[in-house]
Amino acid sequence: MPPAESPPNPPPGLRVVRVYGEGAGGHAASMAVAGPEQQDAPHLSVRIVQLDAAALHALAAGDLEAANATSPVPMSPYFAGPDWRAVWRRRSLQIEADPGSAGWITGVIWDGRRRLAVGRAGYHGPPDSAGLVEIGYAVDPTYRRRGYARAAVDLLLERAVREPDVRTVRASISPDNAASRNLILRHGFVEVGEQWDDDDGREIIYETIVGAG
């Protein structure tokens, strides 16, 4: 996928260097980021690597060995642990019902410089008829507060800008998750409502417009 001619400006305090090229199984973009949120990693080289159906099914079952057998990048035990299993189950069923969603749904946040799988990020699915996509992201607790969530959101928004069928990007966040809320607000999202999620409870809905429709 070609790079956008005018990608969104980075949030204040970040220095962003973009390098575009096809990465195995991932979005065609990597990003080096430096900013105040990072502590012991002054530069990040991050991309989102998509997983195939077999890897998603294995993660949903908590089978890390089987997941890593087909994943383009090695994942840590946290990926197959209980905290993220509900997400993998949802995506496993989704890709089974709609194989075309494979290029959109949750993948691995991969730090190419350190060769580490540090989290998960992606869209909840392809854009709907109104051009809306919803993003989701989470970072392994070991690697939080190092800029990975911000880098992942940047990548997701940049792709959304390039996709002609996407007009609106949504994020649904627990009212108790101040860090995620602040991150989204720094990216220009505004609160538009709330909802109840069967897994996560009450969520505040934020959206930002990225296309003319």
Protein backbone atom coordinates (compact mmCIF):
# COMPACT_ATOMS: atom_id res chain seq x y z
CA MET A 1 0.00 0.00 0.00
CA PRO A 2 1.61 3.36 -0.98
CA PRO A 3 2.32 5.98 1.66
CA ALA A 4 -0.03 8.89 2.13
CA GLU A 5 1.16 12.12 0.49
CA SER A 6 0.21 14.15 3.57
CA PRO A 7 0.12 11.94 6.70
CA PRO A 8 -1.22 13.43 9.93
CA ASN A 9 1.18 15.57 11.93
CA PRO A 10 2.63 13.79 14.99
CA PRO A 11 1.44 14.83 18.44
CA PRO A 12 3.42 17.62 20.12
CA GLY A 13 6.70 16.47 21.59
CA LEU A 14 7.23 13.61 19.13
CA ARG A 15 9.85 13.34 16.41
CA VAL A 16 8.70 10.93 13.72
CA VAL A 17 10.72 9.36 10.91
CA ARG A 18 8.77 7.23 8.45
CA VAL A 19 10.19 4.51 6.23
CA TYR A 20 7.87 2.76 3.80
CA GLY A 21 8.35 -0.69 2.39
CA GLU A 22 6.65 -4.07 2.39
CA GLY A 23 7.24 -5.93 5.65
CA ALA A 24 6.44 -9.60 5.98
CA GLY A 25 2.82 -9.86 6.99
CA GLY A 26 2.60 -6.29 8.21
CA HIS A 27 1.38 -2.86 7.22
CA ALA A 28 3.72 -1.25 4.72
CA ALA A 29 5.10 1.27 7.15
CA SER A 30 7.62 1.47 9.92
CA MET A 31 8.06 4.36 12.28
CA ALA A 32 10.81 5.67 14.49
CA VAL A 33 9.41 7.70 17.35
CA ALA A 34 10.98 9.77 20.09
CA GLY A 35 8.92 11.50 22.75
CA PRO A 36 8.36 12.13 26.42
CA GLU A 37 6.30 8.98 26.96
CA GLN A 38 9.33 6.78 26.32
CA GLN A 39 11.74 5.89 29.07
CA ASP A 40 14.52 3.50 28.09
CA ALA A 41 13.97 3.25 24.30
CA PRO A 42 14.89 6.58 22.68
CA HIS A 43 13.96 5.35 19.19
CA LEU A 44 11.31 2.85 18.14
CA SER A 45 10.96 1.07 14.82
CA VAL A 46 7.43 -0.26 14.94
CA ARG A 47 5.06 -2.01 12.55
CA ILE A 48 1.85 -3.99 12.90
CA VAL A 49 2.17 -7.58 11.74
CA GLN A 50 -0.98 -9.41 10.68
CA LEU A 51 -1.62 -12.96 11.88
CA ASP A 52 -3.13 -15.77 9.85
CA ALA A 53 -6.18 -17.78 10.85
CA ALA A 54 -4.10 -20.61 12.33
CA ALA A 55 -2.21 -18.26 14.64
CA LEU A 56 -5.42 -16.56 15.77
CA HIS A 57 -7.10 -19.90 16.48
CA ALA A 58 -4.06 -21.04 18.48
CA LEU A 59 -3.93 -17.84 20.55
CA ALA A 60 -7.66 -18.18 21.23
CA ALA A 61 -6.92 -21.65 22.61
CA GLY A 62 -3.96 -20.41 24.66
CA ASP A 63 -1.50 -22.46 22.58
CA LEU A 64 1.58 -20.25 22.16
CA GLU A 65 3.69 -22.92 20.50
CA ALA A 66 1.13 -23.48 17.75
CA ALA A 67 0.62 -19.73 17.32
CA ASN A 68 4.33 -19.09 16.89
CA ALA A 69 4.55 -21.92 14.37
CA THR A 70 2.64 -19.82 11.82
CA SER A 71 3.20 -16.27 13.08
CA PRO A 72 5.63 -14.14 11.02
CA VAL A 73 7.18 -12.93 14.31
CA PRO A 74 7.76 -14.70 17.65
CA MET A 75 5.31 -13.83 20.42
CA SER A 76 5.83 -14.01 24.18
CA PRO A 77 3.71 -16.08 26.59
CA TYR A 78 1.69 -12.97 27.47
CA PHE A 79 0.04 -13.08 24.03
CA ALA A 80 -1.50 -16.48 24.77
CA GLY A 81 -2.33 -15.67 28.36
CA PRO A 82 -5.75 -15.03 29.88
CA ASP A 83 -5.73 -11.22 29.60
CA TRP A 84 -5.99 -11.19 25.80
CA ARG A 85 -7.68 -14.51 25.14
CA ALA A 86 -11.16 -13.00 24.70
CA VAL A 87 -9.84 -10.72 21.95
CA TRP A 88 -8.19 -13.60 20.10
CA ARG A 89 -11.37 -15.68 20.38
CA ARG A 90 -13.39 -12.84 18.89
CA ARG A 91 -10.94 -12.33 16.03
CA SER A 92 -10.64 -16.07 15.45
CA LEU A 93 -14.41 -16.36 14.95
CA GLN A 94 -14.44 -13.20 12.85
CA ILE A 95 -11.79 -14.37 10.39
CA GLU A 96 -13.56 -17.72 10.10
CA ALA A 97 -16.83 -16.01 9.17
CA ASP A 98 -15.22 -13.31 7.03
CA PRO A 99 -11.77 -14.21 5.64
CA GLY A 100 -11.64 -10.82 3.95
CA SER A 101 -11.25 -9.14 7.33
CA ALA A 102 -7.82 -10.73 7.84
CA GLY A 103 -5.92 -7.67 6.64
CA TRP A 104 -7.73 -5.37 9.07
CA ILE A 105 -8.11 -7.11 12.39
CA THR A 106 -5.80 -7.31 15.39
CA GLY A 107 -2.14 -7.99 14.73
CA VAL A 108 1.15 -7.84 16.60
CA ILE A 109 2.92 -4.58 17.49
CA TRP A 110 6.45 -5.50 16.46
CA ASP A 111 9.56 -3.55 17.43
CA GLY A 112 11.89 -4.36 14.57
CA ARG A 113 14.92 -2.71 16.13
CA ARG A 114 14.70 -4.79 19.30
CA ARG A 115 12.99 -7.74 17.56
CA LEU A 116 10.25 -7.87 20.18
CA ALA A 117 6.49 -8.46 20.04
CA VAL A 118 5.33 -5.80 22.48
CA GLY A 119 1.57 -5.65 22.05
CA ARG A 120 -1.44 -6.00 19.79
CA ALA A 121 -3.22 -3.47 17.59
CA GLY A 122 -5.57 -3.31 14.65
CA TYR A 123 -9.07 -2.47 13.55
CA HIS A 124 -12.19 -4.29 14.68
CA GLY A 125 -12.85 -5.03 11.02
CA PRO A 126 -13.02 -3.45 7.56
CA PRO A 127 -14.87 -0.13 7.16
CA ASP A 128 -18.65 -0.35 7.35
CA SER A 129 -21.05 1.17 4.82
CA ALA A 130 -20.65 4.59 6.45
CA GLY A 131 -16.85 4.41 6.23
CA LEU A 132 -16.30 3.82 9.96
CA VAL A 133 -13.52 1.68 11.42
CA GLU A 134 -12.81 1.11 15.10
CA ILE A 135 -9.29 0.72 16.43
CA GLY A 136 -8.06 -1.32 19.34
CA TYR A 137 -4.63 -1.64 20.92
CA ALA A 138 -2.92 -2.95 24.04
CA VAL A 139 0.69 -3.24 25.16
CA ASP A 140 2.27 -6.04 27.17
CA PRO A 141 2.71 -4.62 30.72
CA THR A 142 6.46 -5.24 30.47
CA TYR A 143 6.74 -2.68 27.66
CA ARG A 144 4.26 0.00 28.68
CA ARG A 145 5.14 3.70 28.96
CA ARG A 146 7.73 3.42 26.20
CA GLY A 147 5.73 4.97 23.35
CA TYR A 148 4.46 1.74 21.76
CA ALA A 149 0.74 2.53 22.10
CA ARG A 150 1.28 5.95 20.56
CA ALA A 151 3.28 4.50 17.68
CA ALA A 152 0.56 1.89 17.03
CA VAL A 153 -2.21 4.50 16.99
CA ASP A 154 -0.13 6.63 14.61
CA LEU A 155 0.19 3.68 12.23
CA LEU A 156 -3.52 2.86 12.39
CA LEU A 157 -4.49 6.46 11.69
CA GLU A 158 -2.03 6.77 8.84
CA ARG A 159 -3.48 3.71 7.17
CA ALA A 160 -7.01 5.02 7.72
CA VAL A 161 -6.05 8.24 5.93
CA ARG A 162 -4.76 6.26 2.95
CA GLU A 163 -7.81 4.01 2.68
CA PRO A 164 -10.37 5.59 0.33
CA ASP A 165 -13.32 3.82 1.99
CA VAL A 166 -12.54 5.10 5.49
CA ARG A 167 -14.10 8.34 6.69
CA THR A 168 -14.29 8.00 10.49
CA VAL A 169 -12.08 6.27 13.06
CA ARG A 170 -13.58 5.25 16.41
CA ALA A 171 -12.03 4.21 19.71
CA SER A 172 -14.03 2.88 22.68
CA ILE A 173 -12.29 3.31 26.03
CA SER A 174 -13.11 2.45 29.62
CA PRO A 175 -13.74 5.60 31.67
CA ASP A 176 -11.09 4.35 34.12
CA ASN A 177 -8.37 4.17 31.46
CA ALA A 178 -6.97 7.70 31.67
CA ALA A 179 -3.76 6.88 29.78
CA SER A 180 -5.62 5.56 26.74
CA ARG A 181 -8.13 8.42 26.86
CA ASN A 182 -5.36 11.01 26.93
CA LEU A 183 -3.57 9.30 24.06
CA ILE A 184 -6.69 9.34 21.90
CA LEU A 185 -7.47 12.97 22.72
CA ARG A 186 -3.95 13.97 21.67
CA HIS A 187 -4.72 12.42 18.29
CA GLY A 188 -7.74 14.65 17.72
CA PHE A 189 -10.52 12.29 18.80
CA VAL A 190 -13.63 13.77 20.42
CA GLU A 191 -16.19 12.13 22.71
CA VAL A 192 -19.43 11.24 20.91
CA GLY A 193 -21.26 8.90 23.31
CA GLU A 194 -20.96 5.74 25.35
CA GLN A 195 -21.84 2.04 25.19
CA TRP A 196 -21.85 -1.15 27.21
CA ASP A 197 -19.43 -3.88 26.18
CA ASP A 198 -20.14 -7.43 27.37
CA ASP A 199 -16.44 -8.04 28.06
CA ASP A 200 -15.20 -4.61 29.16
CA GLY A 201 -18.29 -2.96 30.65
CA ARG A 202 -19.03 0.76 30.20
CA GLU A 203 -17.01 2.45 27.47
CA ILE A 204 -16.77 6.03 26.25
CA ILE A 205 -16.86 6.38 22.45
CA TYR A 206 -14.42 8.73 20.71
CA GLU A 207 -14.22 9.48 16.99
CA THR A 208 -12.14 11.46 14.54
CA ILE A 209 -12.79 12.29 10.88
CA VAL A 210 -10.01 11.25 8.48
CA GLY A 211 -11.69 11.36 5.07
CA ALA A 212 -14.18 13.39 3.08
CA GLY A 213 -16.50 10.44 2.51
